[in-house]
Amino acid sequence: MGQPVPTRTPPKAMTIAGSDSGGGAGVQADLKTFAALGVYGTSVVTAVTAQNTRQVFAIAEVPEEVVAAQIDAVMEDIGTAAAKTGMLSGAGIIETVADRLEAWAPPLVVDPVMVAKSGDALLQPSAIGALKRKLLPLALVVTPNLPEAEVLSGLTIGDGDEAAMRAAAEAIAALGPRYVIVKGGHRAGAPVDLLYDGRTFTPLPGERIATRNDHGTGDTLSAAIAAYLAHGRSVEEAIPAAKRYLTEALRAGYAVGEGHSPVNHFFGVRFPAEGEPEGA
């Protein structure tokens, strides 16, 4: 037999987020997204949740020193071309993550996760100030939906009036992130996102997919942005590419539980049909 062909090392991306026992959101969704987009994913678990497609039943935060140790262990050996944050439930966790990310300084995508698809709170109200003061100034991109943008900006957006979205994006940008994308999934009518680069507003049209298999959409979008950044794409290229990936993952979703099932991260992978030999 011949020698095995050397495998090219893929780019690397890191997720810093909570674990979802149902496999649809959090670290699990991020790692699936990284793998689907040809990126080697590493993970820093900030909290362990007991949840399924219907509900979050319990949350246990990982000790802050263990969160810091995870980041340092990955960065000093493996490194990363981009990082993203998801669920950071408390102020102490946010401050710890911000401290280590400031030290290592990877390109950072912040998904300001506040509420699960089931409606369960994932961010303590007392932690919002730490998120705004400590983490957002480190972000290359921040990806709030309309309710999250209202909390971060202190402004009322309602059902997604564009003028209100612009004002919120400007207020969030003033907290430090280089790019703000206010997601339009909660808008009345077409789900048009709004990207603000500190000077220019760019509407990003999207297709609304009628499905209940939408658990983990925010995690998946932010992870896909980080994955494309890890591949060397610019922010202006990464965000539309990530939106296209998420749209197809939503379109190909299937139910795994009785509530909000996850998107199909591996819609582009063909698995053998029943009875079909492997490699056919």
Protein backbone atom coordinates (compact mmCIF):
# COMPACT_ATOMS: atom_id res chain seq x y z
CA MET A 1 0.00 0.00 0.00
CA GLY A 2 1.14 3.54 -0.71
CA GLN A 3 1.77 6.16 1.89
CA PRO A 4 -1.31 8.08 3.08
CA VAL A 5 -1.79 11.45 1.44
CA PRO A 6 -1.01 14.25 3.92
CA THR A 7 -4.11 16.09 5.07
CA ARG A 8 -4.08 19.88 4.99
CA THR A 9 -4.69 21.34 8.42
CA PRO A 10 -7.93 23.31 8.29
CA PRO A 11 -8.31 26.75 9.84
CA LYS A 12 -9.27 26.79 13.51
CA ALA A 13 -12.10 28.49 15.36
CA MET A 14 -13.05 28.55 19.03
CA THR A 15 -16.50 28.62 20.60
CA ILE A 16 -16.94 29.92 24.15
CA ALA A 17 -20.48 29.03 25.12
CA GLY A 18 -22.83 26.83 27.11
CA SER A 19 -23.42 23.15 26.45
CA ASP A 20 -26.85 22.06 25.16
CA SER A 21 -27.70 18.49 26.16
CA GLY A 22 -30.25 18.39 23.35
CA GLY A 23 -27.50 19.00 20.80
CA GLY A 24 -29.25 21.82 18.97
CA ALA A 25 -27.68 25.02 20.27
CA GLY A 26 -24.66 26.24 22.20
CA VAL A 27 -21.30 24.53 21.90
CA GLN A 28 -22.84 21.59 20.05
CA ALA A 29 -24.36 23.78 17.33
CA ASP A 30 -21.15 25.76 17.01
CA LEU A 31 -18.95 22.69 16.58
CA LYS A 32 -21.34 21.22 14.01
CA THR A 33 -21.24 24.50 12.09
CA PHE A 34 -17.45 24.66 12.19
CA ALA A 35 -17.17 21.06 10.95
CA ALA A 36 -19.72 21.60 8.18
CA LEU A 37 -17.77 24.64 6.95
CA GLY A 38 -14.36 22.97 6.97
CA VAL A 39 -13.03 24.45 10.19
CA TYR A 40 -11.37 22.66 13.11
CA GLY A 41 -13.42 23.64 16.16
CA THR A 42 -12.28 23.95 19.75
CA SER A 43 -14.61 24.60 22.66
CA VAL A 44 -14.68 26.40 25.98
CA VAL A 45 -17.71 25.35 28.03
CA THR A 46 -19.05 28.16 30.24
CA ALA A 47 -22.14 26.40 31.55
CA VAL A 48 -23.80 23.00 31.43
CA THR A 49 -27.51 23.04 30.67
CA ALA A 50 -30.11 20.31 30.94
CA GLN A 51 -32.45 20.98 28.04
CA ASN A 52 -34.34 19.43 25.17
CA THR A 53 -36.39 20.83 22.30
CA ARG A 54 -39.08 22.02 24.72
CA GLN A 55 -37.41 23.53 27.76
CA VAL A 56 -34.29 24.38 29.75
CA PHE A 57 -34.53 22.42 33.01
CA ALA A 58 -31.28 23.34 34.77
CA ILE A 59 -28.14 25.45 34.36
CA ALA A 60 -24.82 24.99 36.15
CA GLU A 61 -22.06 27.50 35.55
CA VAL A 62 -18.52 26.23 35.08
CA PRO A 63 -16.12 27.75 37.66
CA GLU A 64 -14.47 30.89 36.35
CA GLU A 65 -10.94 29.55 36.82
CA VAL A 66 -11.83 26.50 34.71
CA VAL A 67 -13.24 28.72 31.95
CA ALA A 68 -10.02 30.74 31.92
CA ALA A 69 -7.93 27.56 31.93
CA GLN A 70 -9.83 26.20 28.93
CA ILE A 71 -9.15 29.33 26.89
CA ASP A 72 -5.49 29.43 27.82
CA ALA A 73 -4.98 25.70 27.21
CA VAL A 74 -6.40 25.92 23.70
CA MET A 75 -4.72 29.16 22.74
CA GLU A 76 -1.21 28.31 23.93
CA ASP A 77 -1.15 25.04 21.98
CA ILE A 78 -3.71 25.01 19.16
CA GLY A 79 -4.48 28.67 18.69
CA THR A 80 -7.42 30.02 16.73
CA ALA A 81 -8.07 32.15 13.65
CA ALA A 82 -11.39 33.38 15.05
CA ALA A 83 -13.45 33.02 18.21
CA LYS A 84 -17.10 33.41 19.08
CA THR A 85 -18.96 33.72 22.34
CA GLY A 86 -22.45 32.46 23.06
CA MET A 87 -24.06 31.82 26.43
CA LEU A 88 -22.13 33.63 29.19
CA SER A 89 -24.67 33.49 31.96
CA GLY A 90 -23.12 35.61 34.71
CA ALA A 91 -21.03 38.74 35.20
CA GLY A 92 -18.09 36.79 36.59
CA ILE A 93 -17.96 34.49 33.57
CA ILE A 94 -18.15 37.49 31.21
CA GLU A 95 -15.34 39.30 33.00
CA THR A 96 -13.18 36.15 32.98
CA VAL A 97 -13.77 35.52 29.27
CA ALA A 98 -13.14 39.16 28.40
CA ASP A 99 -9.88 39.14 30.36
CA ARG A 100 -8.51 36.10 28.52
CA LEU A 101 -9.75 37.24 25.09
CA GLU A 102 -8.16 40.63 25.60
CA ALA A 103 -4.89 38.85 26.38
CA TRP A 104 -5.02 36.55 23.31
CA ALA A 105 -6.83 39.01 20.99
CA PRO A 106 -8.41 36.72 18.36
CA PRO A 107 -10.95 38.17 15.90
CA LEU A 108 -14.14 37.91 17.95
CA VAL A 109 -17.82 37.40 17.12
CA VAL A 110 -20.13 38.08 20.07
CA ASP A 111 -23.58 36.51 20.05
CA PRO A 112 -25.24 38.20 23.05
CA VAL A 113 -27.34 35.19 24.04
CA MET A 114 -30.03 36.23 26.50
CA VAL A 115 -33.04 33.94 26.03
CA ALA A 116 -33.40 30.36 24.75
CA LYS A 117 -35.84 29.47 21.96
CA SER A 118 -38.09 28.02 24.68
CA GLY A 119 -38.22 31.43 26.39
CA ASP A 120 -35.95 30.45 29.30
CA ALA A 121 -33.46 33.13 30.42
CA LEU A 122 -29.81 32.33 29.67
CA LEU A 123 -28.25 35.62 30.81
CA GLN A 124 -28.67 36.96 34.32
CA PRO A 125 -29.97 40.56 34.30
CA SER A 126 -27.06 41.59 36.53
CA ALA A 127 -24.63 40.46 33.81
CA ILE A 128 -25.85 42.84 31.10
CA GLY A 129 -23.63 45.67 32.32
CA ALA A 130 -20.54 43.44 32.22
CA LEU A 131 -21.43 42.32 28.70
CA LYS A 132 -21.62 45.94 27.55
CA ARG A 133 -18.56 47.20 29.41
CA LYS A 134 -16.16 44.26 29.16
CA LEU A 135 -16.96 42.12 26.12
CA LEU A 136 -18.47 44.33 23.43
CA PRO A 137 -15.37 46.58 23.20
CA LEU A 138 -13.40 43.47 22.17
CA ALA A 139 -15.82 42.39 19.44
CA LEU A 140 -15.16 42.57 15.74
CA VAL A 141 -18.81 41.63 15.14
CA VAL A 142 -21.82 41.54 17.46
CA THR A 143 -25.03 39.79 16.33
CA PRO A 144 -28.08 40.81 18.42
CA ASN A 145 -31.64 39.98 17.44
CA LEU A 146 -34.27 42.69 18.00
CA PRO A 147 -34.98 41.94 21.69
CA GLU A 148 -31.25 41.71 22.43
CA ALA A 149 -30.59 44.93 20.51
CA GLU A 150 -33.22 46.69 22.63
CA VAL A 151 -31.49 45.57 25.83
CA LEU A 152 -28.01 46.52 24.62
CA SER A 153 -29.02 49.89 23.18
CA GLY A 154 -31.67 50.87 25.73
CA LEU A 155 -33.94 51.82 22.83
CA THR A 156 -37.32 50.52 21.71
CA ILE A 157 -37.28 48.79 18.31
CA GLY A 158 -40.68 47.10 18.36
CA ASP A 159 -41.43 45.04 15.27
CA GLY A 160 -38.37 46.23 13.37
CA ASP A 161 -38.87 49.75 12.03
CA GLU A 162 -35.67 50.47 10.08
CA ALA A 163 -35.10 53.87 11.66
CA ALA A 164 -35.31 52.28 15.11
CA MET A 165 -32.92 49.50 14.04
CA ARG A 166 -30.43 52.09 12.77
CA ALA A 167 -30.57 54.03 16.02
CA ALA A 168 -30.04 50.83 18.02
CA ALA A 169 -27.12 49.76 15.83
CA GLU A 170 -25.44 53.16 16.34
CA ALA A 171 -25.94 52.94 20.10
CA ILE A 172 -24.47 49.43 20.22
CA ALA A 173 -21.53 50.42 18.01
CA ALA A 174 -20.77 53.21 20.48
CA LEU A 175 -20.05 50.48 23.05
CA GLY A 176 -17.05 49.35 21.01
CA PRO A 177 -17.75 46.60 18.44
CA ARG A 178 -16.45 47.27 14.93
CA TYR A 179 -19.50 45.81 13.16
CA VAL A 180 -23.08 45.45 14.39
CA ILE A 181 -25.58 43.22 12.64
CA VAL A 182 -29.09 43.68 14.01
CA LYS A 183 -30.90 40.51 12.95
CA GLY A 184 -34.33 40.82 11.40
CA GLY A 185 -35.90 37.49 12.27
CA HIS A 186 -38.32 39.18 14.69
CA ARG A 187 -39.33 41.86 12.17
CA ALA A 188 -42.82 42.09 10.78
CA GLY A 189 -42.68 41.12 7.12
CA ALA A 190 -39.42 40.16 5.44
CA PRO A 191 -36.56 39.17 7.80
CA VAL A 192 -34.09 41.82 6.63
CA ASP A 193 -30.97 42.17 8.78
CA LEU A 194 -29.15 45.48 9.12
CA LEU A 195 -25.34 45.64 9.08
CA TYR A 196 -23.63 48.77 10.44
CA ASP A 197 -19.88 49.29 10.03
CA GLY A 198 -19.65 52.56 11.95
CA ARG A 199 -20.34 54.64 8.85
CA THR A 200 -22.68 52.81 6.49
CA PHE A 201 -25.90 50.86 6.96
CA THR A 202 -26.32 47.84 4.67
CA PRO A 203 -29.65 45.96 4.56
CA LEU A 204 -29.17 42.20 4.16
CA PRO A 205 -32.33 40.59 2.75
CA GLY A 206 -33.22 37.09 3.87
CA GLU A 207 -35.78 34.40 3.23
CA ARG A 208 -38.23 33.48 5.98
CA ILE A 209 -38.40 29.67 6.21
CA ALA A 210 -41.65 28.35 7.69
CA THR A 211 -40.41 25.73 10.17
CA ARG A 212 -40.39 24.78 13.85
CA ASN A 213 -36.92 23.31 13.38
CA ASP A 214 -35.21 26.57 14.27
CA HIS A 215 -33.44 25.86 17.55
CA GLY A 216 -29.91 27.26 17.59
CA THR A 217 -30.30 29.70 14.70
CA GLY A 218 -28.44 32.53 16.44
CA ASP A 219 -25.62 30.24 17.54
CA THR A 220 -25.34 28.78 14.07
CA LEU A 221 -25.21 32.17 12.34
CA SER A 222 -22.53 33.56 14.66
CA ALA A 223 -20.51 30.33 14.42
CA ALA A 224 -20.74 30.44 10.63
CA ILE A 225 -19.50 34.05 10.62
CA ALA A 226 -16.54 32.98 12.77
CA ALA A 227 -15.89 30.01 10.48
CA TYR A 228 -15.76 32.18 7.37
CA LEU A 229 -13.53 34.68 9.17
CA ALA A 230 -11.23 31.77 10.05
CA HIS A 231 -11.08 30.97 6.33
CA GLY A 232 -9.79 34.50 5.71
CA ARG A 233 -13.01 36.11 4.48
CA SER A 234 -13.70 39.75 5.29
CA VAL A 235 -16.64 40.61 7.54
CA GLU A 236 -18.53 41.92 4.50
CA GLU A 237 -18.05 38.52 2.83
CA ALA A 238 -18.47 36.35 5.94
CA ILE A 239 -21.87 37.61 7.03
CA PRO A 240 -23.78 37.04 3.73
CA ALA A 241 -22.10 33.63 3.36
CA ALA A 242 -23.16 32.72 6.90
CA LYS A 243 -26.72 33.84 6.19
CA ARG A 244 -26.86 31.59 3.11
CA TYR A 245 -25.58 28.65 5.14
CA LEU A 246 -28.18 29.20 7.87
CA THR A 247 -31.01 29.55 5.35
CA GLU A 248 -30.20 26.17 3.81
CA ALA A 249 -29.78 24.59 7.26
CA LEU A 250 -33.25 25.85 8.16
CA ARG A 251 -34.71 24.66 4.87
CA ALA A 252 -33.33 21.15 5.42
CA GLY A 253 -34.34 20.82 9.07
CA TYR A 254 -36.15 17.84 10.51
CA ALA A 255 -37.84 17.13 13.84
CA VAL A 256 -35.94 15.30 16.57
CA GLY A 257 -38.26 16.24 19.44
CA GLU A 258 -41.67 17.67 20.21
CA GLY A 259 -40.62 21.32 20.56
CA HIS A 260 -38.25 23.47 18.53
CA SER A 261 -35.85 21.02 16.87
CA PRO A 262 -32.46 22.24 15.60
CA VAL A 263 -31.46 23.31 12.14
CA ASN A 264 -29.74 20.73 9.93
CA HIS A 265 -26.08 21.73 10.09
CA PHE A 266 -25.00 18.94 7.76
CA PHE A 267 -27.51 19.53 4.97
CA GLY A 268 -24.64 19.34 2.47
CA VAL A 269 -23.52 15.88 3.60
CA ARG A 270 -25.03 12.86 1.84
CA PHE A 271 -25.51 9.85 4.08
CA PRO A 272 -26.08 6.36 2.60
CA ALA A 273 -29.73 5.38 2.25
CA GLU A 274 -30.97 2.37 4.21
CA GLY A 275 -29.51 -0.76 2.65
CA GLU A 276 -27.08 1.21 0.49
CA PRO A 277 -23.44 0.13 0.87
CA GLU A 278 -20.98 2.64 2.32
CA GLY A 279 -19.20 4.64 -0.38
CA ALA A 280 -21.88 3.99 -2.99
